[in-house]
Amino acid sequence: MKLQPDRLEGVNVISRHDAGRVWVNAVEWRSSVLVPWRGDALPWPAARLADLTAAHFEQLLALQPELVIFGSGAKLRFVSPALQRALIERRIGVETMDTAAACRTYNVLASEGRTVAAALLVEPAD
């Protein structure tokens, strides 16, 4: 018998993803997006991995997560730890995975009531 709800009230859910798109609470995003466990999803102005700077990761500080799930696009790719320095210095965990895995992992953690944020790189189709 299942005793917990499928979705916690007020918690963001990544409802779908495919190449070049992510749906947060059934709203389609065709560009990179920050998804906090609560509150509005936010545009993340980086079209490609090479566009990322330390300032992109500093945007996450305002969300005050305990953990950030970074979705690196269609493939697992890592960014320099220097780009994530602001998060690391504040002892905010950062896990990197491809965007599809990041969406699934975010949903599990958010459904457990964790203060998690997903930073999802949604790259344009070439």
Protein backbone atom coordinates (compact mmCIF):
# COMPACT_ATOMS: atom_id res chain seq x y z
CA MET A 1 0.00 0.00 0.00
CA LYS A 2 1.38 3.37 -1.02
CA LEU A 3 1.08 5.98 1.72
CA GLN A 4 2.60 9.05 0.11
CA PRO A 5 1.27 11.28 -2.67
CA ASP A 6 2.67 11.09 -6.19
CA ARG A 7 3.43 14.80 -6.01
CA LEU A 8 4.01 17.05 -3.04
CA GLU A 9 1.90 20.19 -3.17
CA GLY A 10 3.90 23.19 -4.36
CA VAL A 11 6.91 21.15 -5.48
CA ASN A 12 8.07 21.50 -9.08
CA VAL A 13 8.04 18.40 -11.26
CA ILE A 14 9.85 17.82 -14.51
CA SER A 15 7.02 16.15 -16.34
CA ARG A 16 8.78 15.34 -19.62
CA HIS A 17 11.98 15.80 -21.58
CA ASP A 18 13.27 15.06 -25.05
CA ALA A 19 15.98 16.38 -27.36
CA GLY A 20 15.94 20.14 -27.09
CA ARG A 21 12.96 20.47 -24.72
CA VAL A 22 12.05 20.08 -21.05
CA TRP A 23 8.60 20.39 -19.46
CA VAL A 24 8.42 21.76 -15.92
CA ASN A 25 4.94 21.43 -14.42
CA ALA A 26 3.70 20.82 -17.99
CA VAL A 27 5.23 24.11 -19.24
CA GLU A 28 7.56 23.60 -22.19
CA TRP A 29 11.09 25.05 -22.11
CA ARG A 30 13.16 25.10 -25.31
CA SER A 31 16.17 26.68 -23.64
CA SER A 32 18.28 26.00 -20.58
CA VAL A 33 16.40 26.28 -17.31
CA LEU A 34 16.88 26.36 -13.54
CA VAL A 35 14.30 24.31 -11.66
CA PRO A 36 14.13 24.89 -7.90
CA TRP A 37 12.12 22.46 -5.77
CA ARG A 38 9.70 25.31 -5.02
CA GLY A 39 8.94 28.55 -6.82
CA ASP A 40 9.15 29.46 -10.47
CA ALA A 41 11.45 27.81 -12.98
CA LEU A 42 13.89 30.38 -14.33
CA PRO A 43 15.62 30.86 -17.67
CA TRP A 44 19.30 29.96 -17.55
CA PRO A 45 21.02 31.92 -20.35
CA ALA A 46 23.45 29.31 -21.66
CA ALA A 47 22.81 27.64 -25.00
CA ARG A 48 25.86 25.34 -24.97
CA LEU A 49 28.29 23.85 -22.47
CA ALA A 50 31.03 26.17 -23.76
CA ASP A 51 28.83 29.18 -22.86
CA LEU A 52 28.83 28.40 -19.13
CA THR A 53 30.67 30.71 -16.77
CA ALA A 54 30.98 30.94 -12.99
CA ALA A 55 28.15 33.51 -13.05
CA HIS A 56 25.75 30.85 -14.36
CA PHE A 57 26.39 28.70 -11.31
CA GLU A 58 26.28 31.71 -8.97
CA GLN A 59 22.64 32.21 -10.06
CA LEU A 60 21.83 29.07 -8.10
CA LEU A 61 22.87 30.64 -4.80
CA ALA A 62 19.68 32.71 -4.64
CA LEU A 63 17.66 29.47 -4.70
CA GLN A 64 19.44 28.22 -1.55
CA PRO A 65 19.50 24.53 -2.46
CA GLU A 66 21.31 21.87 -0.47
CA LEU A 67 22.09 20.07 -3.72
CA VAL A 68 22.31 21.04 -7.40
CA ILE A 69 21.76 18.49 -10.16
CA PHE A 70 23.53 19.73 -13.30
CA GLY A 71 22.18 18.29 -16.56
CA SER A 72 24.98 18.61 -19.11
CA GLY A 73 22.94 18.03 -22.27
CA ALA A 74 22.52 14.86 -24.32
CA LYS A 75 25.85 13.45 -23.12
CA LEU A 76 27.56 13.36 -19.74
CA ARG A 77 30.11 16.18 -19.76
CA PHE A 78 31.82 17.87 -16.86
CA VAL A 79 32.60 21.55 -16.37
CA SER A 80 35.62 22.85 -14.53
CA PRO A 81 35.23 22.89 -10.73
CA ALA A 82 36.28 26.56 -10.92
CA LEU A 83 32.91 27.34 -12.53
CA GLN A 84 31.13 25.77 -9.56
CA ARG A 85 33.36 27.41 -6.94
CA ALA A 86 30.60 29.59 -5.40
CA LEU A 87 28.50 26.48 -4.74
CA ILE A 88 31.40 24.40 -3.46
CA GLU A 89 32.54 27.16 -1.10
CA ARG A 90 29.06 27.25 0.46
CA ARG A 91 29.07 23.46 0.81
CA ILE A 92 26.27 23.00 -1.72
CA GLY A 93 26.61 19.62 -3.39
CA VAL A 94 26.80 19.46 -7.18
CA GLU A 95 26.14 16.28 -9.14
CA THR A 96 26.63 16.16 -12.91
CA MET A 97 24.79 13.85 -15.28
CA ASP A 98 23.24 14.00 -18.73
CA THR A 99 20.04 16.04 -18.82
CA ALA A 100 17.71 13.03 -19.06
CA ALA A 101 19.24 11.46 -15.93
CA ALA A 102 19.25 14.86 -14.20
CA CYS A 103 15.49 15.21 -14.79
CA ARG A 104 14.79 11.80 -13.27
CA THR A 105 17.12 12.36 -10.31
CA TYR A 106 15.69 15.81 -9.60
CA ASN A 107 12.14 14.39 -9.51
CA VAL A 108 13.10 11.67 -7.04
CA LEU A 109 14.89 14.08 -4.71
CA ALA A 110 12.18 16.76 -4.92
CA SER A 111 9.48 14.16 -4.20
CA GLU A 112 11.41 13.24 -1.04
CA GLY A 113 11.15 16.86 0.11
CA ARG A 114 14.82 17.66 -0.49
CA THR A 115 15.87 21.25 -1.18
CA VAL A 116 17.24 20.48 -4.63
CA ALA A 117 17.62 22.53 -7.78
CA ALA A 118 18.18 21.29 -11.32
CA ALA A 119 20.36 23.32 -13.68
CA LEU A 120 19.44 21.86 -17.05
CA LEU A 121 21.41 22.62 -20.18
CA VAL A 122 18.97 22.44 -23.10
CA GLU A 123 21.02 22.79 -26.25
CA PRO A 124 19.52 23.87 -29.56
CA ALA A 125 19.24 21.23 -32.26
CA ASP A 126 21.94 21.61 -34.91
